Amino acid sequence: MPIQYQLVLQWDQAALDDDGIASIETCLLAQLGEDHLADGYDFGSDTTNLFIITGQPDAAFKAASRLITEAGLRPPARAGYRHFDVDETAAEVVARDENYWAYRPLWPQDLQVFSVL
């Protein structure tokens, strides 16, 4: 199986309500294509996060951003990604270097740290 990543599109929570994030998820589910899977959303500590499972986080971000903008919806404030493997056992996960699972900032380009809380 190819390497998978979890891409997270993130908005400030005050900028997006339940209907707004649901509209974005619906748009992405319908149009993102089989290479990238919109995998739900949650509300974190002052953020709203939408998750996409993909083998190509850069391409998924560009496609999702384009679709969101074309639909007239609010673009994300930040984006980041991390390795994601649903097939690994708990022991394999623990054995990995902690940096393997750390989120990597993707957007904006000058973002130094990305986290999901």
N, C-alpha and C. Protein backbone atom coordinates (compact mmCIF):
# COMPACT_ATOMS: atom_id res chain seq x y z
N MET A 1 0.84 -1.17 0.00
CA MET A 1 0.00 0.00 0.00
C MET A 1 0.89 1.25 0.00
N PRO A 2 0.58 2.24 -0.82
CA PRO A 2 1.38 3.46 -0.85
C PRO A 2 1.25 4.23 0.47
N ILE A 3 2.21 5.08 0.73
CA ILE A 3 2.18 5.90 1.93
C ILE A 3 0.96 6.81 1.88
N GLN A 4 0.26 6.89 3.00
CA GLN A 4 -0.90 7.75 3.12
C GLN A 4 -0.61 8.88 4.11
N TYR A 5 -1.28 9.98 3.90
CA TYR A 5 -1.16 11.14 4.77
C TYR A 5 -2.55 11.61 5.18
N GLN A 6 -2.60 12.25 6.33
CA GLN A 6 -3.81 12.92 6.76
C GLN A 6 -3.55 14.42 6.59
N LEU A 7 -4.22 15.01 5.62
CA LEU A 7 -4.15 16.45 5.40
C LEU A 7 -5.24 17.09 6.24
N VAL A 8 -4.91 18.17 6.93
CA VAL A 8 -5.89 18.87 7.74
C VAL A 8 -6.01 20.30 7.24
N LEU A 9 -7.22 20.67 6.83
CA LEU A 9 -7.53 22.05 6.51
C LEU A 9 -8.10 22.66 7.78
N GLN A 10 -7.61 23.83 8.16
CA GLN A 10 -7.98 24.38 9.46
C GLN A 10 -8.44 25.83 9.33
N TRP A 11 -9.53 26.12 10.03
CA TRP A 11 -10.10 27.46 10.09
C TRP A 11 -10.15 27.90 11.55
N ASP A 12 -10.10 29.20 11.79
CA ASP A 12 -10.38 29.71 13.12
C ASP A 12 -11.85 29.42 13.38
N GLN A 13 -12.17 28.91 14.56
CA GLN A 13 -13.53 28.44 14.83
C GLN A 13 -14.57 29.55 14.66
N ALA A 14 -14.23 30.76 15.02
CA ALA A 14 -15.18 31.86 14.90
C ALA A 14 -15.51 32.19 13.44
N ALA A 15 -14.66 31.76 12.52
CA ALA A 15 -14.84 32.08 11.10
C ALA A 15 -15.78 31.13 10.38
N LEU A 16 -16.13 30.01 11.01
CA LEU A 16 -16.88 28.97 10.30
C LEU A 16 -17.85 28.29 11.26
N ASP A 17 -19.14 28.27 10.90
CA ASP A 17 -20.12 27.59 11.75
C ASP A 17 -20.36 26.17 11.24
N ASP A 18 -21.27 25.45 11.90
CA ASP A 18 -21.57 24.06 11.52
C ASP A 18 -21.99 23.94 10.06
N ASP A 19 -22.84 24.84 9.62
CA ASP A 19 -23.32 24.78 8.23
C ASP A 19 -22.19 25.05 7.25
N GLY A 20 -21.28 25.97 7.61
CA GLY A 20 -20.18 26.30 6.73
C GLY A 20 -19.24 25.13 6.50
N ILE A 21 -18.85 24.45 7.58
CA ILE A 21 -17.93 23.31 7.43
C ILE A 21 -18.64 22.14 6.75
N ALA A 22 -19.93 21.96 7.04
CA ALA A 22 -20.69 20.89 6.38
C ALA A 22 -20.78 21.15 4.88
N SER A 23 -20.95 22.41 4.47
CA SER A 23 -20.98 22.75 3.05
C SER A 23 -19.65 22.47 2.37
N ILE A 24 -18.56 22.78 3.06
CA ILE A 24 -17.23 22.52 2.51
C ILE A 24 -17.00 21.02 2.38
N GLU A 25 -17.36 20.26 3.40
CA GLU A 25 -17.18 18.81 3.33
C GLU A 25 -18.01 18.21 2.19
N THR A 26 -19.25 18.64 2.05
CA THR A 26 -20.12 18.15 0.97
C THR A 26 -19.52 18.45 -0.39
N CYS A 27 -19.01 19.66 -0.56
CA CYS A 27 -18.37 20.06 -1.82
C CYS A 27 -17.18 19.15 -2.12
N LEU A 28 -16.34 18.90 -1.13
CA LEU A 28 -15.14 18.09 -1.35
C LEU A 28 -15.49 16.63 -1.59
N LEU A 29 -16.47 16.11 -0.85
CA LEU A 29 -16.88 14.71 -1.06
C LEU A 29 -17.37 14.49 -2.49
N ALA A 30 -18.08 15.47 -3.02
CA ALA A 30 -18.66 15.34 -4.35
C ALA A 30 -17.64 15.54 -5.46
N GLN A 31 -16.60 16.32 -5.21
CA GLN A 31 -15.75 16.75 -6.33
C GLN A 31 -14.26 16.45 -6.20
N LEU A 32 -13.80 15.99 -5.07
CA LEU A 32 -12.36 15.85 -4.87
C LEU A 32 -11.74 14.72 -5.69
N GLY A 33 -12.49 13.69 -5.97
CA GLY A 33 -11.95 12.58 -6.76
C GLY A 33 -11.46 11.45 -5.88
N GLU A 34 -11.16 10.34 -6.51
CA GLU A 34 -10.83 9.13 -5.76
C GLU A 34 -9.41 9.12 -5.18
N ASP A 35 -8.55 10.04 -5.60
CA ASP A 35 -7.19 10.09 -5.05
C ASP A 35 -7.13 10.72 -3.66
N HIS A 36 -8.18 11.47 -3.30
CA HIS A 36 -8.22 12.20 -2.04
C HIS A 36 -9.59 11.97 -1.41
N LEU A 37 -9.63 11.55 -0.16
CA LEU A 37 -10.88 11.23 0.51
C LEU A 37 -11.15 12.19 1.65
N ALA A 38 -12.21 13.00 1.52
CA ALA A 38 -12.64 13.84 2.64
C ALA A 38 -13.12 12.90 3.74
N ASP A 39 -12.55 13.04 4.94
CA ASP A 39 -12.76 12.05 6.00
C ASP A 39 -13.33 12.66 7.27
N GLY A 40 -14.20 13.65 7.12
CA GLY A 40 -14.88 14.21 8.28
C GLY A 40 -14.24 15.49 8.79
N TYR A 41 -14.85 16.02 9.85
CA TYR A 41 -14.36 17.25 10.45
C TYR A 41 -14.63 17.22 11.94
N ASP A 42 -13.95 18.12 12.65
CA ASP A 42 -14.21 18.28 14.07
C ASP A 42 -13.96 19.72 14.47
N PHE A 43 -14.39 20.02 15.68
CA PHE A 43 -14.17 21.34 16.25
C PHE A 43 -13.20 21.17 17.40
N GLY A 44 -12.03 21.78 17.26
CA GLY A 44 -10.99 21.66 18.28
C GLY A 44 -10.98 22.88 19.18
N SER A 45 -9.85 23.11 19.80
CA SER A 45 -9.67 24.25 20.68
C SER A 45 -9.50 25.50 19.83
N ASP A 46 -10.58 26.21 19.62
CA ASP A 46 -10.62 27.45 18.83
C ASP A 46 -10.38 27.23 17.34
N THR A 47 -10.47 25.99 16.86
CA THR A 47 -10.31 25.73 15.43
C THR A 47 -11.39 24.77 14.94
N THR A 48 -11.59 24.81 13.64
CA THR A 48 -12.42 23.82 12.95
C THR A 48 -11.49 23.12 11.97
N ASN A 49 -11.48 21.79 11.99
CA ASN A 49 -10.55 20.99 11.19
C ASN A 49 -11.30 20.07 10.26
N LEU A 50 -10.90 20.03 9.00
CA LEU A 50 -11.45 19.10 8.03
C LEU A 50 -10.31 18.18 7.59
N PHE A 51 -10.56 16.87 7.61
CA PHE A 51 -9.53 15.87 7.36
C PHE A 51 -9.68 15.27 5.96
N ILE A 52 -8.55 15.10 5.28
CA ILE A 52 -8.51 14.47 3.95
C ILE A 52 -7.41 13.42 3.98
N ILE A 53 -7.75 12.20 3.59
CA ILE A 53 -6.77 11.12 3.47
C ILE A 53 -6.29 11.10 2.02
N THR A 54 -4.97 11.11 1.85
CA THR A 54 -4.41 11.24 0.51
C THR A 54 -2.98 10.69 0.47
N GLY A 55 -2.54 10.33 -0.69
CA GLY A 55 -1.15 9.96 -0.90
C GLY A 55 -0.31 11.15 -1.32
N GLN A 56 -0.98 12.27 -1.64
CA GLN A 56 -0.30 13.46 -2.15
C GLN A 56 -0.87 14.72 -1.48
N PRO A 57 -0.36 15.07 -0.30
CA PRO A 57 -0.94 16.20 0.43
C PRO A 57 -0.88 17.53 -0.31
N ASP A 58 0.21 17.80 -1.03
CA ASP A 58 0.30 19.06 -1.78
C ASP A 58 -0.79 19.14 -2.85
N ALA A 59 -0.94 18.08 -3.62
CA ALA A 59 -1.95 18.05 -4.68
C ALA A 59 -3.36 18.11 -4.09
N ALA A 60 -3.58 17.42 -2.98
CA ALA A 60 -4.90 17.44 -2.34
C ALA A 60 -5.23 18.84 -1.84
N PHE A 61 -4.24 19.51 -1.25
CA PHE A 61 -4.47 20.88 -0.76
C PHE A 61 -4.82 21.81 -1.91
N LYS A 62 -4.07 21.73 -2.99
CA LYS A 62 -4.34 22.60 -4.14
C LYS A 62 -5.73 22.34 -4.72
N ALA A 63 -6.09 21.06 -4.86
CA ALA A 63 -7.40 20.71 -5.41
C ALA A 63 -8.52 21.18 -4.48
N ALA A 64 -8.37 20.92 -3.19
CA ALA A 64 -9.40 21.31 -2.22
C ALA A 64 -9.54 22.83 -2.16
N SER A 65 -8.43 23.54 -2.14
CA SER A 65 -8.48 25.01 -2.10
C SER A 65 -9.18 25.57 -3.33
N ARG A 66 -8.87 25.00 -4.49
CA ARG A 66 -9.50 25.46 -5.73
C ARG A 66 -11.01 25.21 -5.68
N LEU A 67 -11.41 24.01 -5.27
CA LEU A 67 -12.84 23.68 -5.20
C LEU A 67 -13.58 24.56 -4.20
N ILE A 68 -12.97 24.80 -3.05
CA ILE A 68 -13.59 25.65 -2.02
C ILE A 68 -13.77 27.06 -2.55
N THR A 69 -12.75 27.60 -3.19
CA THR A 69 -12.82 28.96 -3.74
C THR A 69 -13.84 29.06 -4.85
N GLU A 70 -13.84 28.08 -5.76
CA GLU A 70 -14.80 28.09 -6.87
C GLU A 70 -16.25 28.01 -6.38
N ALA A 71 -16.46 27.34 -5.25
CA ALA A 71 -17.81 27.21 -4.69
C ALA A 71 -18.21 28.45 -3.88
N GLY A 72 -17.31 29.41 -3.77
CA GLY A 72 -17.60 30.63 -3.03
C GLY A 72 -17.62 30.43 -1.53
N LEU A 73 -16.91 29.40 -1.06
CA LEU A 73 -16.85 29.10 0.37
C LEU A 73 -15.57 29.66 0.97
N ARG A 74 -15.51 29.75 2.28
CA ARG A 74 -14.35 30.33 2.97
C ARG A 74 -13.13 29.41 2.87
N PRO A 75 -12.01 29.93 2.34
CA PRO A 75 -10.79 29.10 2.26
C PRO A 75 -10.19 28.88 3.65
N PRO A 76 -9.40 27.82 3.80
CA PRO A 76 -8.80 27.55 5.11
C PRO A 76 -7.76 28.60 5.49
N ALA A 77 -7.58 28.79 6.80
CA ALA A 77 -6.57 29.71 7.31
C ALA A 77 -5.20 29.05 7.35
N ARG A 78 -5.20 27.73 7.58
CA ARG A 78 -3.95 26.97 7.70
C ARG A 78 -4.16 25.56 7.18
N ALA A 79 -3.05 24.89 6.87
CA ALA A 79 -3.12 23.48 6.49
C ALA A 79 -1.82 22.81 6.90
N GLY A 80 -1.94 21.54 7.25
CA GLY A 80 -0.79 20.72 7.60
C GLY A 80 -1.13 19.27 7.35
N TYR A 81 -0.11 18.41 7.41
CA TYR A 81 -0.34 17.00 7.17
C TYR A 81 0.62 16.15 8.00
N ARG A 82 0.26 14.88 8.14
CA ARG A 82 1.11 13.92 8.85
C ARG A 82 0.93 12.55 8.21
N HIS A 83 1.85 11.65 8.52
CA HIS A 83 1.70 10.27 8.07
C HIS A 83 0.43 9.69 8.67
N PHE A 84 -0.18 8.80 7.93
CA PHE A 84 -1.43 8.18 8.38
C PHE A 84 -1.49 6.78 7.81
N ASP A 85 -1.51 5.79 8.67
CA ASP A 85 -1.55 4.41 8.19
C ASP A 85 -2.52 3.62 9.04
N VAL A 86 -3.68 3.32 8.49
CA VAL A 86 -4.71 2.62 9.25
C VAL A 86 -4.36 1.16 9.48
N ASP A 87 -3.39 0.63 8.75
CA ASP A 87 -3.05 -0.79 8.86
C ASP A 87 -1.97 -1.10 9.91
N GLU A 88 -1.32 -0.09 10.46
CA GLU A 88 -0.26 -0.35 11.45
C GLU A 88 -0.86 -0.77 12.78
N THR A 89 -0.18 -1.67 13.44
CA THR A 89 -0.60 -2.10 14.77
C THR A 89 -0.14 -1.08 15.80
N ALA A 90 -0.68 -1.17 17.00
CA ALA A 90 -0.29 -0.26 18.08
C ALA A 90 1.21 -0.35 18.36
N ALA A 91 1.76 -1.57 18.34
CA ALA A 91 3.19 -1.75 18.60
C ALA A 91 4.03 -1.07 17.52
N GLU A 92 3.60 -1.15 16.28
CA GLU A 92 4.34 -0.49 15.19
C GLU A 92 4.28 1.02 15.34
N VAL A 93 3.15 1.52 15.77
CA VAL A 93 3.00 2.97 15.97
C VAL A 93 3.95 3.44 17.07
N VAL A 94 3.99 2.71 18.19
CA VAL A 94 4.85 3.08 19.31
C VAL A 94 6.32 3.01 18.92
N ALA A 95 6.67 2.05 18.07
CA ALA A 95 8.07 1.87 17.67
C ALA A 95 8.57 2.97 16.75
N ARG A 96 7.67 3.69 16.13
CA ARG A 96 8.08 4.76 15.21
C ARG A 96 8.67 5.95 15.97
N ASP A 97 9.55 6.64 15.30
CA ASP A 97 10.08 7.89 15.81
C ASP A 97 8.91 8.87 15.93
N GLU A 98 8.86 9.64 17.02
CA GLU A 98 7.73 10.56 17.23
C GLU A 98 7.61 11.60 16.12
N ASN A 99 8.71 11.94 15.48
CA ASN A 99 8.66 12.91 14.38
C ASN A 99 7.93 12.36 13.16
N TYR A 100 7.87 11.04 13.04
CA TYR A 100 7.16 10.41 11.92
C TYR A 100 5.69 10.83 11.93
N TRP A 101 5.12 10.97 13.13
CA TRP A 101 3.69 11.28 13.26
C TRP A 101 3.42 12.77 13.41
N ALA A 102 4.44 13.59 13.53
CA ALA A 102 4.24 15.02 13.74
C ALA A 102 3.62 15.67 12.50
N TYR A 103 2.79 16.65 12.74
CA TYR A 103 2.22 17.42 11.62
C TYR A 103 3.29 18.29 11.00
N ARG A 104 3.26 18.37 9.69
CA ARG A 104 4.16 19.24 8.94
C ARG A 104 3.34 20.41 8.39
N PRO A 105 3.78 21.64 8.63
CA PRO A 105 3.05 22.79 8.09
C PRO A 105 3.06 22.76 6.56
N LEU A 106 1.95 23.12 5.96
CA LEU A 106 1.86 23.15 4.51
C LEU A 106 1.50 24.55 4.00
N TRP A 107 0.54 25.19 4.66
CA TRP A 107 0.08 26.50 4.20
C TRP A 107 -0.43 27.31 5.36
N PRO A 108 -0.19 28.60 5.43
CA PRO A 108 0.56 29.41 4.47
C PRO A 108 2.04 29.03 4.45
N GLN A 109 2.71 29.46 3.43
CA GLN A 109 4.09 29.01 3.21
C GLN A 109 5.03 29.35 4.35
N ASP A 110 4.75 30.43 5.08
CA ASP A 110 5.65 30.82 6.17
C ASP A 110 5.23 30.23 7.52
N LEU A 111 4.23 29.34 7.54
CA LEU A 111 3.79 28.69 8.77
C LEU A 111 4.90 27.79 9.30
N GLN A 112 5.28 27.99 10.56
CA GLN A 112 6.39 27.22 11.15
C GLN A 112 5.93 25.98 11.90
N VAL A 113 4.74 26.05 12.52
CA VAL A 113 4.23 24.95 13.34
C VAL A 113 2.75 24.75 13.01
N PHE A 114 2.35 23.49 12.91
CA PHE A 114 0.94 23.17 12.69
C PHE A 114 0.55 22.12 13.69
N SER A 115 -0.61 22.30 14.31
CA SER A 115 -1.09 21.30 15.26
C SER A 115 -2.61 21.21 15.20
N VAL A 116 -3.11 20.09 15.65
CA VAL A 116 -4.54 19.86 15.77
C VAL A 116 -4.81 19.60 17.24
N LEU A 117 -5.59 20.46 17.85
CA LEU A 117 -5.90 20.34 19.28
C LEU A 117 -7.37 20.10 19.47
